[in-house]
Amino acid sequence: MKTQLSYDEFEFILRRDFMSFVDRSFCELNPQTRFLTSPHIEVLASKLESRRQGKTKRLNVNLPPRSLKSHAVSIALPAWLLGHDPASQIICCSYGQELADKLARDCRTLMASNSG
């Protein structure tokens, strides 16, 4: 039997569970693409949350292309951090300006979104 979450319950989960936020943010930005979770995404989300909490001092993410690292690290994480602390100062960098612009645009789109 499936239980339907209320909007407040869903929002509560998104504010406290980074993996759920990564999932929802992917769906928000890619409505025509199904999000398929994988153990490496769950580990990445856990490591990024550990970094946010200060339990991990340094984190280097090395994953192959198309593994959602840019979405998790450069789109979802800045939105998540700014949602928890709007005074956060974040620097994101990329190998190219075009990609950096796209990631920043996607992050802004996500933060401007009204859907939970």
C-alpha atoms as a PDB file:
ATOM      1  CA  MET A   1       0.000   0.000   0.000  1.00  0.00           C
ATOM      2  CA  LYS A   2       1.444   3.368  -1.032  1.00  0.00           C
ATOM      3  CA  THR A   3       1.104   6.295   1.331  1.00  0.00           C
ATOM      4  CA  GLN A   4       0.620   9.735  -0.177  1.00  0.00           C
ATOM      5  CA  LEU A   5       2.815  12.409   1.389  1.00  0.00           C
ATOM      6  CA  SER A   6       1.388  15.828   2.099  1.00  0.00           C
ATOM      7  CA  TYR A   7       3.124  18.832   0.547  1.00  0.00           C
ATOM      8  CA  ASP A   8       4.536  19.784   3.971  1.00  0.00           C
ATOM      9  CA  GLU A   9       5.917  16.277   4.522  1.00  0.00           C
ATOM     10  CA  PHE A  10       7.472  16.245   1.057  1.00  0.00           C
ATOM     11  CA  GLU A  11       9.033  19.666   1.633  1.00  0.00           C
ATOM     12  CA  PHE A  12      10.344  18.504   5.030  1.00  0.00           C
ATOM     13  CA  ILE A  13      12.116  15.569   3.380  1.00  0.00           C
ATOM     14  CA  LEU A  14      13.605  17.744   0.614  1.00  0.00           C
ATOM     15  CA  ARG A  15      15.033  20.176   3.170  1.00  0.00           C
ATOM     16  CA  ARG A  16      16.681  17.442   5.231  1.00  0.00           C
ATOM     17  CA  ASP A  17      17.738  14.721   2.807  1.00  0.00           C
ATOM     18  CA  PHE A  18      20.204  15.781   0.135  1.00  0.00           C
ATOM     19  CA  MET A  19      19.692  12.606  -1.934  1.00  0.00           C
ATOM     20  CA  SER A  20      15.969  13.358  -2.149  1.00  0.00           C
ATOM     21  CA  PHE A  21      16.838  16.921  -3.135  1.00  0.00           C
ATOM     22  CA  VAL A  22      19.179  15.694  -5.898  1.00  0.00           C
ATOM     23  CA  ASP A  23      16.412  13.420  -7.210  1.00  0.00           C
ATOM     24  CA  ARG A  24      13.752  16.155  -7.145  1.00  0.00           C
ATOM     25  CA  SER A  25      16.063  18.792  -8.606  1.00  0.00           C
ATOM     26  CA  PHE A  26      16.958  16.491 -11.515  1.00  0.00           C
ATOM     27  CA  CYS A  27      13.245  15.945 -12.221  1.00  0.00           C
ATOM     28  CA  GLU A  28      12.604  19.690 -12.019  1.00  0.00           C
ATOM     29  CA  LEU A  29      15.292  20.502 -14.581  1.00  0.00           C
ATOM     30  CA  ASN A  30      14.728  17.449 -16.804  1.00  0.00           C
ATOM     31  CA  PRO A  31      10.986  16.755 -16.739  1.00  0.00           C
ATOM     32  CA  GLN A  32      11.123  14.452 -19.767  1.00  0.00           C
ATOM     33  CA  THR A  33      13.910  12.257 -18.352  1.00  0.00           C
ATOM     34  CA  ARG A  34      13.401   9.620 -15.691  1.00  0.00           C
ATOM     35  CA  PHE A  35      15.811   9.840 -12.739  1.00  0.00           C
ATOM     36  CA  LEU A  36      17.480   6.481 -12.163  1.00  0.00           C
ATOM     37  CA  THR A  37      19.223   6.347  -8.825  1.00  0.00           C
ATOM     38  CA  SER A  38      22.371   4.345  -8.385  1.00  0.00           C
ATOM     39  CA  PRO A  39      24.606   3.464  -5.439  1.00  0.00           C
ATOM     40  CA  HIS A  40      27.317   5.868  -6.648  1.00  0.00           C
ATOM     41  CA  ILE A  41      24.830   8.773  -6.575  1.00  0.00           C
ATOM     42  CA  GLU A  42      23.768   7.873  -3.049  1.00  0.00           C
ATOM     43  CA  VAL A  43      27.425   7.714  -1.933  1.00  0.00           C
ATOM     44  CA  LEU A  44      28.128  11.058  -3.624  1.00  0.00           C
ATOM     45  CA  ALA A  45      25.099  12.668  -1.944  1.00  0.00           C
ATOM     46  CA  SER A  46      26.205  11.284   1.416  1.00  0.00           C
ATOM     47  CA  LYS A  47      29.755  12.588   0.969  1.00  0.00           C
ATOM     48  CA  LEU A  48      28.504  16.040  -0.089  1.00  0.00           C
ATOM     49  CA  GLU A  49      26.192  16.209   2.925  1.00  0.00           C
ATOM     50  CA  SER A  50      29.089  15.151   5.172  1.00  0.00           C
ATOM     51  CA  ARG A  51      31.111  18.022   3.682  1.00  0.00           C
ATOM     52  CA  ARG A  52      28.264  20.472   4.297  1.00  0.00           C
ATOM     53  CA  GLN A  53      28.084  19.399   7.938  1.00  0.00           C
ATOM     54  CA  GLY A  54      31.836  19.903   8.346  1.00  0.00           C
ATOM     55  CA  LYS A  55      32.516  16.228   9.044  1.00  0.00           C
ATOM     56  CA  THR A  56      34.644  16.045   5.881  1.00  0.00           C
ATOM     57  CA  LYS A  57      37.176  18.823   5.347  1.00  0.00           C
ATOM     58  CA  ARG A  58      38.143  18.107   1.730  1.00  0.00           C
ATOM     59  CA  LEU A  59      36.381  16.230  -1.014  1.00  0.00           C
ATOM     60  CA  ASN A  60      37.563  15.457  -4.519  1.00  0.00           C
ATOM     61  CA  VAL A  61      34.910  13.974  -6.835  1.00  0.00           C
ATOM     62  CA  ASN A  62      36.204  11.808  -9.682  1.00  0.00           C
ATOM     63  CA  LEU A  63      33.466  10.109 -11.673  1.00  0.00           C
ATOM     64  CA  PRO A  64      33.146   9.355 -15.372  1.00  0.00           C
ATOM     65  CA  PRO A  65      31.096  11.565 -17.686  1.00  0.00           C
ATOM     66  CA  ARG A  66      27.298  11.235 -17.505  1.00  0.00           C
ATOM     67  CA  SER A  67      27.365  10.083 -13.867  1.00  0.00           C
ATOM     68  CA  LEU A  68      25.438  13.132 -12.511  1.00  0.00           C
ATOM     69  CA  LYS A  69      28.455  14.638 -10.764  1.00  0.00           C
ATOM     70  CA  SER A  70      27.903  18.069 -12.345  1.00  0.00           C
ATOM     71  CA  HIS A  71      24.223  18.003 -11.450  1.00  0.00           C
ATOM     72  CA  ALA A  72      24.880  16.960  -7.846  1.00  0.00           C
ATOM     73  CA  VAL A  73      27.971  19.105  -7.191  1.00  0.00           C
ATOM     74  CA  SER A  74      27.495  22.218  -9.346  1.00  0.00           C
ATOM     75  CA  ILE A  75      23.710  22.570  -9.513  1.00  0.00           C
ATOM     76  CA  ALA A  76      21.965  20.835  -6.610  1.00  0.00           C
ATOM     77  CA  LEU A  77      24.642  21.431  -3.947  1.00  0.00           C
ATOM     78  CA  PRO A  78      24.852  25.243  -4.351  1.00  0.00           C
ATOM     79  CA  ALA A  79      21.032  25.461  -4.305  1.00  0.00           C
ATOM     80  CA  TRP A  80      20.931  23.201  -1.225  1.00  0.00           C
ATOM     81  CA  LEU A  81      23.655  25.202   0.555  1.00  0.00           C
ATOM     82  CA  LEU A  82      22.033  28.555  -0.198  1.00  0.00           C
ATOM     83  CA  GLY A  83      18.675  27.172   0.902  1.00  0.00           C
ATOM     84  CA  HIS A  84      20.160  26.283   4.282  1.00  0.00           C
ATOM     85  CA  ASP A  85      22.319  29.393   4.593  1.00  0.00           C
ATOM     86  CA  PRO A  86      21.618  32.259   2.156  1.00  0.00           C
ATOM     87  CA  ALA A  87      24.836  33.972   3.274  1.00  0.00           C
ATOM     88  CA  SER A  88      26.959  31.061   2.001  1.00  0.00           C
ATOM     89  CA  GLN A  89      29.753  31.967  -0.373  1.00  0.00           C
ATOM     90  CA  ILE A  90      30.270  29.393  -3.098  1.00  0.00           C
ATOM     91  CA  ILE A  91      32.784  29.216  -5.927  1.00  0.00           C
ATOM     92  CA  CYS A  92      32.070  26.821  -8.779  1.00  0.00           C
ATOM     93  CA  CYS A  93      34.555  26.335 -11.568  1.00  0.00           C
ATOM     94  CA  SER A  94      34.590  24.441 -14.822  1.00  0.00           C
ATOM     95  CA  TYR A  95      36.945  23.699 -17.668  1.00  0.00           C
ATOM     96  CA  GLY A  96      34.982  25.989 -19.973  1.00  0.00           C
ATOM     97  CA  GLN A  97      32.892  29.142 -19.773  1.00  0.00           C
ATOM     98  CA  GLU A  98      29.991  27.658 -21.749  1.00  0.00           C
ATOM     99  CA  LEU A  99      29.587  24.771 -19.288  1.00  0.00           C
ATOM    100  CA  ALA A 100      30.015  27.088 -16.295  1.00  0.00           C
ATOM    101  CA  ASP A 101      27.261  29.340 -17.668  1.00  0.00           C
ATOM    102  CA  LYS A 102      24.908  26.380 -18.206  1.00  0.00           C
ATOM    103  CA  LEU A 103      25.489  25.016 -14.690  1.00  0.00           C
ATOM    104  CA  ALA A 104      24.914  28.455 -13.162  1.00  0.00           C
ATOM    105  CA  ARG A 105      21.748  28.924 -15.233  1.00  0.00           C
ATOM    106  CA  ASP A 106      20.420  25.537 -14.144  1.00  0.00           C
ATOM    107  CA  CYS A 107      21.157  26.332 -10.494  1.00  0.00           C
ATOM    108  CA  ARG A 108      19.325  29.668 -10.779  1.00  0.00           C
ATOM    109  CA  THR A 109      16.396  27.975 -12.512  1.00  0.00           C
ATOM    110  CA  LEU A 110      16.220  25.432  -9.706  1.00  0.00           C
ATOM    111  CA  MET A 111      16.333  28.091  -6.996  1.00  0.00           C
ATOM    112  CA  ALA A 112      13.641  30.138  -8.743  1.00  0.00           C
ATOM    113  CA  SER A 113      11.357  27.119  -9.073  1.00  0.00           C
ATOM    114  CA  ASN A 114       8.141  27.159  -7.052  1.00  0.00           C
ATOM    115  CA  SER A 115       7.524  23.427  -7.142  1.00  0.00           C
ATOM    116  CA  GLY A 116       8.511  21.237  -4.204  1.00  0.00           C
END
